[in-house]
Protein backbone atom coordinates (compact mmCIF):
# COMPACT_ATOMS: atom_id res chain seq x y z
CA CYS A 1 218.70 -42.49 -83.46
CA MET A 2 220.51 -39.87 -86.10
CA SER A 3 218.10 -39.71 -88.54
CA ARG A 4 215.63 -38.99 -85.59
CA ASP A 5 217.82 -36.07 -84.02
CA SER A 6 218.15 -35.12 -88.03
CA GLN A 7 213.97 -35.07 -88.64
CA ARG A 8 213.73 -32.67 -85.39
CA GLU A 9 216.36 -30.16 -86.56
CA GLN A 10 214.01 -30.27 -90.11
CA LYS A 11 211.37 -29.65 -88.60
CA PHE A 12 212.59 -26.46 -86.20
CA LYS A 13 214.02 -24.89 -89.07
CA GLU A 14 213.30 -21.10 -89.32
CA PRO A 15 210.50 -20.70 -92.00
CA ASP A 16 212.11 -17.62 -93.21
CA SER A 17 215.57 -17.98 -93.64
CA GLY A 18 215.32 -21.69 -94.79
CA ALA A 19 218.93 -22.53 -92.86
CA ALA A 20 218.95 -21.81 -89.48
CA ALA A 21 217.72 -24.55 -87.04
CA ALA A 22 216.27 -24.11 -83.98
CA ARG A 23 219.50 -22.88 -81.52
CA TYR A 24 217.87 -22.50 -78.15
CA VAL A 25 215.64 -23.99 -75.15
CA LEU A 26 213.63 -22.78 -72.73
CA GLY A 27 213.76 -23.60 -69.18
CA VAL A 28 211.32 -22.51 -67.26
CA ASP A 29 211.37 -22.46 -63.16
CA VAL A 30 207.90 -22.17 -61.37
CA GLY A 31 208.91 -21.68 -58.07
CA SER A 32 207.15 -20.78 -54.49
CA THR A 33 208.61 -17.31 -54.62
CA VAL A 34 208.97 -16.79 -58.18
CA VAL A 35 208.45 -17.83 -61.52
CA LYS A 36 211.75 -17.66 -64.23
CA CYS A 37 212.69 -18.11 -67.47
CA HIS A 38 216.29 -18.69 -68.92
CA VAL A 39 216.67 -19.36 -72.60
CA TYR A 40 220.36 -20.96 -72.96
CA ASP A 41 221.95 -21.65 -76.22
CA ARG A 42 224.14 -25.35 -76.83
CA SER A 43 226.55 -24.05 -74.62
CA ALA A 44 224.35 -23.30 -71.73
CA ALA A 45 224.77 -19.66 -71.74
CA VAL A 46 222.04 -17.81 -70.48
CA ARG A 47 221.02 -16.13 -73.59
CA GLY A 48 217.71 -14.13 -72.23
CA PHE A 49 216.01 -14.14 -68.80
CA SER A 50 212.78 -12.88 -67.21
CA HIS A 51 211.09 -13.43 -64.05
CA ARG A 52 207.90 -12.19 -62.22
CA LYS A 53 206.90 -12.53 -58.51
CA VAL A 54 204.50 -15.55 -57.44
CA GLU A 55 201.74 -13.81 -55.78
CA SER A 56 200.51 -15.88 -52.47
CA LEU A 57 196.91 -15.57 -51.55
CA TYR A 58 196.19 -16.09 -48.13
CA PRO A 59 192.36 -16.59 -47.45
CA ARG A 60 192.45 -17.81 -43.76
CA PRO A 61 195.27 -18.68 -41.11
CA GLY A 62 197.36 -21.13 -42.22
CA TRP A 63 195.80 -21.39 -45.51
CA VAL A 64 198.11 -20.67 -48.81
CA GLU A 65 196.54 -20.70 -52.10
CA LEU A 66 197.86 -19.23 -55.62
CA ASP A 67 195.19 -17.79 -58.35
CA PRO A 68 195.39 -20.21 -61.05
CA GLU A 69 195.00 -17.63 -63.81
CA VAL A 70 197.13 -15.33 -62.35
CA LEU A 71 200.53 -17.83 -62.36
CA TRP A 72 199.04 -18.89 -65.92
CA SER A 73 199.58 -15.07 -67.07
CA GLN A 74 202.95 -14.91 -65.38
CA PHE A 75 203.84 -18.24 -66.82
CA ILE A 76 203.42 -16.85 -70.71
CA GLY A 77 204.43 -13.49 -69.66
CA VAL A 78 208.32 -14.69 -68.50
CA ILE A 79 208.45 -16.73 -71.35
CA LYS A 80 207.54 -14.44 -73.99
CA GLU A 81 209.72 -11.64 -71.87
CA ALA A 82 212.67 -13.83 -72.46
CA VAL A 83 212.68 -15.00 -75.63
CA GLN A 84 212.46 -10.77 -76.36
CA ALA A 85 214.84 -10.37 -73.87
CA ALA A 86 217.13 -12.39 -76.16
CA GLY A 87 216.29 -10.81 -79.17
CA LEU A 88 214.93 -13.74 -80.99
CA HIS A 89 211.69 -15.22 -82.66
CA MET A 90 209.99 -18.26 -80.78
CA ARG A 91 210.08 -20.23 -84.04
CA GLN A 92 214.01 -20.76 -82.67
CA ILE A 93 213.23 -22.60 -79.92
CA ALA A 94 213.84 -26.03 -79.69
CA GLY A 95 212.25 -27.08 -76.50
CA LEU A 96 210.57 -26.29 -73.43
CA GLY A 97 211.39 -27.93 -70.46
CA ILE A 98 209.13 -27.11 -67.28
CA SER A 99 210.21 -27.46 -63.66
CA THR A 100 207.82 -26.83 -60.94
CA GLN A 101 207.06 -26.74 -57.23
CA ARG A 102 206.16 -29.88 -55.74
CA GLY A 103 203.15 -30.62 -53.58
CA THR A 104 201.02 -27.44 -55.17
CA PHE A 105 198.10 -29.25 -56.80
CA ILE A 106 194.59 -27.81 -58.28
CA THR A 107 191.31 -29.90 -59.36
CA TRP A 108 189.26 -29.21 -62.30
CA HIS A 109 186.22 -30.49 -64.16
CA LYS A 110 187.00 -32.37 -66.79
CA ARG A 111 184.14 -31.32 -68.97
CA THR A 112 184.51 -28.18 -68.91
CA GLY A 113 188.40 -27.45 -67.69
CA LYS A 114 187.21 -24.74 -64.92
CA PRO A 115 189.12 -24.95 -61.58
CA PHE A 116 187.54 -25.94 -58.31
CA HIS A 117 189.14 -24.17 -56.20
CA ASN A 118 192.69 -22.41 -56.22
CA PHE A 119 196.07 -23.68 -56.18
CA ILE A 120 196.69 -25.44 -52.72
CA SER A 121 200.25 -24.80 -51.42
CA TRP A 122 202.51 -27.02 -50.52
CA GLN A 123 202.84 -24.44 -47.93
CA ASP A 124 199.51 -24.92 -46.44
CA LEU A 125 198.28 -25.87 -43.38
CA ARG A 126 194.49 -26.63 -43.68
CA SER A 127 195.45 -30.62 -43.51
CA ALA A 128 197.88 -30.23 -40.20
CA GLU A 129 194.40 -31.47 -37.78
CA LEU A 130 193.91 -34.71 -40.28
CA VAL A 131 197.46 -35.15 -40.58
CA ASN A 132 197.81 -35.30 -36.61
CA SER A 133 195.15 -37.31 -36.07
CA TRP A 134 196.23 -40.14 -39.19
CA ASN A 135 199.64 -39.94 -37.76
CA ASN A 136 198.23 -41.02 -34.73
CA SER A 137 195.14 -43.30 -35.26
CA LEU A 138 194.92 -47.07 -34.42
CA LEU A 139 194.43 -47.79 -38.50
CA LEU A 140 197.92 -46.26 -39.58
CA LYS A 141 199.20 -48.49 -36.85
CA VAL A 142 197.91 -51.64 -38.17
CA VAL A 143 199.11 -50.41 -41.68
CA HIS A 144 202.32 -50.58 -40.07
CA VAL A 145 202.34 -53.62 -38.52
CA ILE A 146 201.18 -55.38 -41.50
CA PHE A 147 203.64 -53.59 -43.59
CA THR A 148 206.30 -54.48 -41.18
CA VAL A 149 205.71 -58.60 -40.68
CA LEU A 150 205.27 -58.45 -44.97
CA HIS A 151 209.12 -56.41 -45.04
CA PHE A 152 210.48 -59.28 -42.00
CA LEU A 153 208.67 -62.14 -44.16
CA THR A 154 209.86 -61.43 -47.71
CA GLY A 155 213.04 -59.03 -47.14
CA ASN A 156 211.63 -56.88 -49.91
CA ASP A 157 211.78 -53.30 -49.96
CA ARG A 158 208.82 -52.74 -51.36
CA PHE A 159 206.88 -53.34 -47.98
CA LEU A 160 209.92 -51.09 -45.75
CA ALA A 161 208.57 -47.16 -46.74
CA PRO A 162 204.91 -48.50 -45.88
CA SER A 163 205.81 -50.02 -42.60
CA PHE A 164 206.65 -46.28 -41.09
CA LEU A 165 204.35 -44.57 -43.09
CA THR A 166 203.71 -40.67 -42.07
CA PHE A 167 201.84 -37.90 -43.63
CA SER A 168 203.15 -34.28 -43.60
CA THR A 169 201.29 -31.21 -44.19
CA HIS A 170 204.16 -30.26 -47.27
CA GLN A 171 202.46 -33.58 -49.40
CA ALA A 172 199.41 -33.20 -51.44
CA SER A 173 197.79 -36.21 -50.12
CA MET A 174 196.14 -35.17 -46.97
CA LYS A 175 195.29 -31.89 -48.65
CA LEU A 176 193.37 -33.59 -51.41
CA SER A 177 191.80 -35.56 -48.64
CA TRP A 178 190.60 -32.33 -46.87
CA VAL A 179 189.43 -31.24 -50.23
CA PHE A 180 186.98 -34.19 -50.69
CA LYS A 181 185.30 -33.93 -47.39
CA ASN A 182 185.38 -29.78 -47.93
CA ILE A 183 184.43 -28.84 -51.33
CA HIS A 184 180.92 -29.69 -52.09
CA GLU A 185 181.65 -29.55 -56.31
CA VAL A 186 184.55 -31.75 -55.98
CA LYS A 187 182.75 -34.27 -54.07
CA ALA A 188 180.31 -34.10 -56.71
CA ALA A 189 182.07 -34.51 -59.63
CA ARG A 190 184.22 -37.22 -58.08
CA LYS A 191 185.21 -40.51 -60.68
CA ASN A 192 183.63 -39.13 -63.84
CA ASN A 193 184.55 -35.43 -63.99
CA CYS A 194 187.38 -34.41 -61.80
CA CYS A 195 191.02 -34.21 -62.76
CA PHE A 196 193.73 -33.64 -60.65
CA GLY A 197 196.83 -32.39 -61.19
CA THR A 198 200.19 -30.29 -59.52
CA VAL A 199 201.61 -27.21 -61.27
CA ASP A 200 203.30 -29.06 -64.21
CA THR A 201 199.51 -31.04 -64.68
CA TRP A 202 197.59 -28.11 -64.93
CA LEU A 203 200.47 -26.44 -67.29
CA LEU A 204 199.98 -29.00 -69.67
CA TYR A 205 196.41 -29.01 -69.52
CA ARG A 206 196.54 -25.10 -70.12
CA LEU A 207 199.35 -24.92 -73.13
CA THR A 208 197.49 -27.78 -75.29
CA LYS A 209 194.38 -26.31 -74.86
CA GLY A 210 193.13 -29.43 -72.82
CA SER A 211 194.08 -31.97 -75.34
CA VAL A 212 197.19 -33.71 -72.89
CA TYR A 213 196.70 -34.44 -69.18
CA ALA A 214 199.70 -35.92 -68.16
CA THR A 215 202.36 -35.48 -65.43
CA ASP A 216 206.20 -37.13 -65.25
CA TYR A 217 207.48 -39.50 -62.42
CA SER A 218 209.64 -37.02 -60.55
CA ASN A 219 206.23 -35.20 -59.59
CA ALA A 220 203.95 -38.26 -59.08
CA SER A 221 206.48 -39.37 -56.42
CA SER A 222 206.67 -35.69 -54.79
CA THR A 223 202.68 -36.12 -53.81
CA GLY A 224 203.07 -39.10 -51.40
CA ILE A 225 200.13 -40.72 -53.35
CA PHE A 226 202.52 -42.27 -55.80
CA GLU A 227 203.87 -45.59 -55.35
CA PRO A 228 207.79 -45.23 -56.33
CA PHE A 229 208.39 -48.83 -56.17
CA THR A 230 205.43 -49.74 -58.31
CA LYS A 231 205.46 -46.81 -60.21
CA CYS A 232 201.97 -46.34 -59.82
CA TRP A 233 199.33 -44.17 -57.94
CA ASN A 234 198.91 -45.78 -54.43
CA PRO A 235 195.35 -47.48 -54.40
CA THR A 236 196.08 -48.56 -51.26
CA LEU A 237 196.37 -45.05 -49.58
CA CYS A 238 193.53 -43.77 -52.15
CA ASN A 239 191.00 -46.32 -50.78
CA LEU A 240 192.26 -45.14 -46.61
CA LEU A 241 192.31 -41.34 -47.67
CA SER A 242 188.33 -41.91 -50.06
CA ILE A 243 190.04 -41.06 -52.60
CA PRO A 244 189.16 -41.95 -56.30
CA VAL A 245 192.33 -43.21 -58.55
CA SER A 246 190.50 -42.58 -61.71
CA ILE A 247 191.50 -38.68 -60.93
CA TYR A 248 195.05 -39.04 -61.29
CA PRO A 249 196.58 -38.36 -64.43
CA PRO A 250 199.03 -40.60 -66.62
CA VAL A 251 202.53 -40.61 -65.55
CA ARG A 252 205.38 -40.40 -68.53
CA ASP A 253 209.00 -39.92 -68.29
CA THR A 254 210.62 -36.69 -67.49
CA SER A 255 212.69 -36.00 -70.71
CA PHE A 256 209.43 -37.09 -72.90
CA ASN A 257 207.50 -34.95 -76.26
CA PHE A 258 204.25 -33.73 -74.35
CA GLY A 259 203.18 -32.55 -77.85
CA SER A 260 203.46 -28.78 -78.74
CA THR A 261 201.94 -25.67 -77.16
CA ASP A 262 198.72 -24.61 -78.73
CA SER A 263 200.16 -22.21 -81.78
CA GLU A 264 197.32 -19.50 -80.52
CA ILE A 265 199.35 -18.85 -77.61
CA PHE A 266 203.08 -17.57 -78.92
CA GLY A 267 202.63 -17.50 -82.45
CA VAL A 268 204.05 -20.87 -83.34
CA PRO A 269 203.64 -24.36 -81.46
CA ILE A 270 206.64 -24.60 -79.64
CA PRO A 271 207.69 -28.92 -78.34
CA ILE A 272 207.09 -29.10 -74.60
CA MET A 273 210.22 -32.10 -74.21
CA ALA A 274 210.45 -32.22 -70.54
CA VAL A 275 208.35 -31.52 -67.06
CA VAL A 276 209.89 -31.93 -64.03
CA ALA A 277 209.72 -31.54 -60.21
CA ASP A 278 211.87 -28.71 -58.88
CA GLN A 279 214.45 -30.29 -56.74
CA GLN A 280 214.84 -33.34 -58.92
CA SER A 281 215.34 -30.79 -61.76
CA ALA A 282 218.27 -28.99 -60.07
CA MET A 283 219.54 -32.44 -59.40
CA PHE A 284 219.92 -32.99 -63.03
CA GLY A 285 221.23 -29.39 -63.82
CA GLU A 286 224.33 -30.26 -61.06
CA CYS A 287 224.79 -33.45 -63.22
CA CYS A 288 224.58 -35.73 -60.32
CA PHE A 289 223.80 -38.32 -62.43
CA HIS A 290 226.12 -41.12 -60.57
CA PRO A 291 224.73 -43.14 -57.32
CA GLY A 292 226.26 -41.23 -54.12
CA ASP A 293 226.22 -37.77 -56.10
CA VAL A 294 224.83 -35.24 -53.25
CA LYS A 295 223.08 -31.93 -54.16
CA LEU A 296 222.10 -29.35 -51.79
CA THR A 297 219.77 -26.76 -52.63
CA MET A 298 219.10 -23.75 -50.17
CA GLY A 299 216.30 -21.82 -51.76
CA THR A 300 212.87 -21.21 -49.76
CA GLY A 301 213.26 -24.31 -47.98
CA GLY A 302 216.53 -26.53 -48.04
CA PHE A 303 217.07 -29.50 -49.72
CA TRP A 304 219.09 -32.71 -49.61
CA ASN A 305 219.31 -35.15 -52.23
CA VAL A 306 221.42 -37.81 -52.46
CA ASN A 307 221.67 -40.16 -55.84
CA THR A 308 220.58 -43.60 -55.14
CA GLY A 309 220.96 -44.81 -58.69
CA GLU A 310 218.63 -48.25 -58.80
CA HIS A 311 217.64 -48.50 -55.72
CA LEU A 312 214.70 -47.09 -53.71
CA PHE A 313 216.40 -46.58 -49.90
CA ALA A 314 213.28 -45.86 -47.35
CA ALA A 315 214.19 -44.48 -44.12
CA ARG A 316 212.29 -44.12 -40.93
CA GLY A 317 212.20 -40.27 -40.18
CA SER A 318 213.93 -37.66 -42.04
CA LEU A 319 214.13 -38.75 -45.04
CA TYR A 320 211.91 -39.57 -48.26
CA PRO A 321 212.39 -41.46 -51.34
CA LEU A 322 211.67 -40.02 -54.61
CA ILE A 323 211.68 -40.88 -57.60
CA GLY A 324 214.63 -38.55 -59.71
CA TRP A 325 214.02 -39.03 -63.17
CA LYS A 326 212.61 -41.75 -65.76
CA ILE A 327 214.26 -40.82 -69.59
CA GLY A 328 213.70 -44.58 -71.24
CA GLU A 329 214.62 -47.90 -69.87
CA GLU A 330 216.69 -45.99 -66.94
CA VAL A 331 215.13 -44.89 -63.54
CA VAL A 332 216.97 -43.02 -61.07
CA TYR A 333 216.01 -42.71 -57.44
CA LEU A 334 216.62 -40.39 -55.03
CA THR A 335 216.52 -39.96 -51.20
CA GLU A 336 216.09 -36.36 -49.72
CA GLY A 337 215.87 -34.36 -46.85
CA SER A 338 214.11 -31.27 -46.02
CA ILE A 339 214.79 -28.15 -44.05
CA SER A 340 212.75 -25.02 -43.38
CA ASP A 341 213.36 -21.22 -43.15
CA VAL A 342 216.27 -20.94 -45.35
CA GLY A 343 215.74 -18.47 -47.94
CA THR A 344 212.50 -17.46 -45.93
CA ALA A 345 214.34 -16.52 -42.92
CA ILE A 346 216.54 -14.32 -44.54
CA LYS A 347 214.57 -12.52 -46.47
CA TRP A 348 212.08 -11.74 -43.48
CA ALA A 349 215.16 -10.26 -41.67
CA LEU A 350 215.55 -7.99 -44.89
CA ASP A 351 212.07 -7.23 -44.66
CA ILE A 352 212.40 -5.84 -41.08
CA GLU A 353 215.13 -4.33 -42.39
CA LEU A 354 217.93 -5.82 -40.52
CA PHE A 355 219.89 -5.32 -43.37
CA THR A 356 219.20 -3.13 -46.96
CA ASN A 357 221.14 -6.05 -49.15
CA VAL A 358 221.28 -9.79 -48.97
CA ASP A 359 225.08 -9.76 -49.78
CA GLU A 360 225.57 -7.93 -47.05
CA THR A 361 224.50 -10.47 -44.60
CA ALA A 362 227.90 -12.96 -44.68
CA GLU A 363 230.21 -9.67 -44.16
CA MET A 364 227.43 -8.57 -41.09
CA ALA A 365 228.27 -12.14 -39.61
CA GLN A 366 232.33 -12.47 -40.53
CA SER A 367 232.40 -9.25 -38.62
CA THR A 368 231.81 -10.30 -35.45
CA ALA A 369 233.65 -13.68 -33.33
CA ASP A 370 229.98 -15.29 -32.35
CA SER A 371 226.63 -14.56 -32.41
CA GLN A 372 226.95 -13.91 -28.51
CA GLY A 373 224.85 -16.69 -27.50
CA VAL A 374 221.84 -15.37 -29.55
CA CYS A 375 220.09 -18.51 -31.23
CA PHE A 376 217.52 -18.16 -34.27
CA ILE A 377 214.58 -20.82 -34.08
CA PRO A 378 212.99 -21.45 -37.76
CA GLY A 379 209.50 -21.82 -38.10
CA LEU A 380 208.15 -18.96 -40.16
CA GLN A 381 207.61 -21.39 -42.56
CA VAL A 382 205.74 -24.63 -42.26
CA SER A 383 208.07 -27.08 -40.94
CA GLY A 384 207.42 -30.99 -41.90
CA ASP A 385 208.56 -32.47 -38.32
CA ASP A 386 206.24 -29.35 -36.60
CA PRO A 387 203.71 -27.32 -38.06
CA TYR A 388 203.33 -25.57 -35.37
CA LEU A 389 206.68 -24.02 -34.27
CA CYS A 390 207.34 -20.44 -33.81
CA ALA A 391 209.79 -18.82 -35.07
CA SER A 392 212.33 -16.68 -32.60
CA PHE A 393 215.39 -15.40 -31.39
CA MET A 394 216.40 -16.91 -27.92
CA GLY A 395 219.29 -15.51 -25.74
CA LEU A 396 219.06 -11.43 -26.40
CA LYS A 397 221.01 -9.37 -24.23
CA PRO A 398 221.51 -5.39 -24.14
CA SER A 399 224.57 -5.74 -26.07
CA THR A 400 222.93 -7.76 -29.12
CA ASN A 401 223.16 -5.94 -32.39
CA ARG A 402 221.90 -6.25 -35.91
CA ASN A 403 225.22 -8.37 -36.66
CA HIS A 404 224.23 -11.01 -34.28
CA LEU A 405 221.18 -11.74 -35.24
CA VAL A 406 221.93 -12.20 -38.75
CA ARG A 407 224.86 -14.60 -37.54
CA ALA A 408 222.19 -16.40 -35.42
CA ILE A 409 220.21 -16.89 -38.54
CA LEU A 410 222.75 -17.98 -41.05
CA GLU A 411 223.61 -19.89 -38.55
CA SER A 412 220.62 -21.75 -37.62
CA ILE A 413 221.34 -22.65 -41.69
CA ALA A 414 224.16 -24.42 -40.89
CA PHE A 415 223.53 -26.26 -37.77
CA ARG A 416 220.50 -27.67 -39.89
CA ASN A 417 222.64 -28.77 -42.83
CA LYS A 418 224.78 -30.41 -40.76
CA LEU A 419 222.12 -32.25 -38.69
CA LEU A 420 220.79 -33.49 -41.97
CA TYR A 421 223.91 -34.50 -43.35
CA ASP A 422 224.66 -36.55 -40.12
CA ILE A 423 221.68 -38.46 -40.89
CA ILE A 424 222.15 -39.12 -44.71
CA VAL A 425 225.39 -40.83 -44.05
CA ARG A 426 223.73 -43.09 -40.86
CA LYS A 427 220.79 -44.07 -42.82
CA VAL A 428 221.93 -44.27 -46.52
CA HIS A 429 224.09 -46.62 -47.24
CA ILE A 430 226.07 -45.53 -50.07
CA PRO A 431 228.98 -43.23 -50.43
CA LEU A 432 228.68 -39.88 -50.73
CA ARG A 433 230.79 -38.50 -53.76
CA THR A 434 230.38 -35.02 -54.81
CA ILE A 435 228.54 -31.99 -53.00
CA ARG A 436 226.92 -29.99 -55.10
CA ALA A 437 225.21 -26.67 -53.78
CA ASP A 438 222.48 -24.21 -55.66
CA GLY A 439 219.58 -21.77 -54.61
CA GLY A 440 220.08 -18.18 -54.22
CA VAL A 441 221.56 -18.93 -50.41
CA SER A 442 224.73 -20.83 -51.78
CA ASN A 443 225.65 -17.40 -52.99
CA ASN A 444 226.06 -16.82 -49.17
CA SER A 445 229.89 -17.77 -48.69
CA PHE A 446 229.37 -17.52 -44.94
CA VAL A 447 226.81 -20.49 -45.03
CA MET A 448 228.59 -21.98 -47.08
CA GLN A 449 232.17 -21.92 -45.58
CA MET A 450 230.23 -22.85 -42.12
CA THR A 451 228.60 -26.02 -43.82
CA SER A 452 231.60 -27.28 -45.06
CA ASP A 453 233.17 -26.68 -42.28
CA LEU A 454 230.83 -28.46 -39.98
CA ILE A 455 230.58 -31.66 -42.52
CA ASN A 456 233.69 -31.73 -42.92
CA LYS A 457 233.56 -31.78 -46.77
CA LYS A 458 234.29 -30.14 -50.04
CA ILE A 459 231.50 -28.29 -51.73
CA GLU A 460 231.05 -27.02 -55.01
CA LYS A 461 228.82 -24.19 -56.10
CA PRO A 462 228.16 -23.15 -59.91
CA ALA A 463 228.25 -20.32 -61.78
CA ASN A 464 225.29 -20.49 -62.34
CA THR A 465 222.76 -21.15 -59.48
CA GLU A 466 219.83 -21.20 -60.82
CA MET A 467 219.75 -25.52 -61.30
CA SER A 468 215.83 -25.79 -61.99
CA SER A 469 215.70 -23.88 -64.61
CA LEU A 470 219.01 -25.68 -65.87
CA GLY A 471 218.00 -28.92 -65.13
CA ALA A 472 214.51 -28.84 -66.99
CA ALA A 473 216.49 -27.60 -70.17
CA PHE A 474 218.75 -30.30 -70.02
CA LEU A 475 215.99 -32.52 -70.09
CA ALA A 476 214.02 -30.91 -72.95
CA GLY A 477 217.24 -30.78 -74.55
CA LEU A 478 217.85 -34.67 -74.56
CA ALA A 479 214.52 -35.21 -75.63
CA SER A 480 214.58 -33.33 -78.69
CA GLY A 481 217.79 -34.22 -79.99
CA PHE A 482 219.15 -30.21 -78.95
CA TRP A 483 221.85 -32.20 -76.93
CA THR A 484 223.23 -35.86 -77.37
CA ASP A 485 223.91 -36.94 -73.54
CA LYS A 486 224.46 -36.60 -70.10
CA LYS A 487 228.49 -37.16 -70.93
CA GLN A 488 227.79 -33.77 -73.52
CA LEU A 489 225.80 -32.46 -70.46
CA LYS A 490 228.54 -32.55 -67.83
CA LYS A 491 231.00 -31.07 -69.89
CA LEU A 492 229.02 -27.66 -69.85
CA ARG A 493 228.89 -27.50 -66.04
CA GLN A 494 231.04 -24.33 -64.78
CA VAL A 495 232.30 -24.71 -61.44
CA GLU A 496 232.47 -20.80 -59.59
CA ALA A 497 233.67 -21.61 -56.02
CA VAL A 498 235.22 -24.68 -54.00
CA PHE A 499 234.59 -24.21 -50.20
CA GLU A 500 236.80 -26.56 -48.44
CA PRO A 501 236.99 -26.86 -44.83
CA GLN A 502 239.12 -24.41 -42.98
CA LYS A 503 238.17 -25.19 -39.68
CA ASP A 504 237.41 -28.06 -37.22
CA SER A 505 233.75 -29.14 -36.83
CA GLU A 506 234.47 -28.90 -32.82
CA GLU A 507 235.02 -25.27 -32.94
CA TYR A 508 231.39 -25.11 -33.47
CA ARG A 509 230.65 -27.08 -31.00
CA PRO A 510 229.52 -24.76 -27.93
CA ALA A 511 227.05 -22.54 -30.20
CA MET A 512 225.79 -25.73 -31.98
CA ASP A 513 225.16 -27.49 -28.44
CA ALA A 514 223.20 -24.07 -27.36
CA TRP A 515 221.16 -24.24 -30.28
CA LEU A 516 220.13 -27.09 -29.75
CA GLN A 517 219.04 -26.67 -26.43
CA ALA A 518 217.07 -23.33 -27.77
CA MET A 519 215.16 -25.72 -30.17
CA LYS A 520 213.95 -27.71 -27.36
CA HIS A 521 212.66 -25.10 -25.00
CA SER A 522 211.44 -23.39 -28.51
CA PRO A 523 207.68 -21.50 -28.52
CA HIS A 524 204.22 -23.46 -30.52
CA ARG A 525 201.55 -21.51 -32.15
């Protein structure tokens, strides 16, 4: 192993100096709203940074797309800008790790490489009717019965997830079924000439000029089409949805040498050493390596992830089993719950000028004893449980001011954190250890403190909240020999703040009960 590492160091030496080895790794996070690139040194300190806004397209009501060429130019642009900002040369980069939004996908022609359509975002609602139709179908009920019986007879947890399989608009499965039904070119290409890819797969394909066609286990398990127990694309589901299994890419380890970028793109080839789904990447960046470790990401949406080790927990309803990462023989499973309208709601409030700076919001919320009965109902972003839910304020009065509205928005985030945490405690039969938060909203002290109070647990916030980028860099660094093992990564963690419970959760009971009542009477599209 040491000799392999030394060979890698030799391979990445700067040709002009002959002495300085490649001393930096790149972590790129292709998120729903921003593409970011961070340049990290061996101490995991950020040496350079660049970001560009992701431009979403809305061709019809409920449809959300991304232009693949625009995303490509943004991706290449942030890498070049970040390396330049660090004052470095591309030859000093030991490896590239790519973290991507999940459930967003594209299909393209295998021979020509030409996309059949734009990226269809995980936020897209075009499959809502199809999802409702399938979830209420007799066929799905029959599938539930068959797998419930198989689970009862065998006791094998592999049959548990299909026994309560439901579809969601967030997943790629139903939208891909829609594509095969509605886009003529895809129907014509079908088995022999159609490629499917989430954002990571398509970027790999473009970075290597078509020579690498692959995804990793974390991204595959997030599509809703991959069977995490067998670690294969699910042929039963593909048959149900009339999707040929042949369109899916091979699945590789998360921390893995995927090949190098074509030298024309950056001037020199850069080794691509990791691709990973964004929430799993944030989990790795937080060093949640042990069963019971919990990661709470509050970005565009909110995601609670629990490391369940080598056990895959399937739970009816709000929790979803995923593969966290695969590194060699090690496969780590996660259980995930998600909430909508976290960062989205705060950005919307900024856009309508409820405040002028996001940093003001915690102070505004703390300036009033309560929201004066005002409740914020989420629904700006697609809700996994109810895609037709409308965002709204309830309980408005003549005396309501901006502080009350802002507090109501922030309280709704904390209340939903509490609901999801309670479900996790009830359904995941593993003692919960550390809880670590990241994402832009984790910088909001009001949300963090209220969440800590409500769940009666300590929550750590890292010094750098850009965990998806860091996780991708960590995974790339392990594959390239830049870092030696996870023990070394844990030493690089820096905690900026620890939020400990300061109030009894019962003090929030009246406000939370009022919010729950408001949720029951919320309007729909």
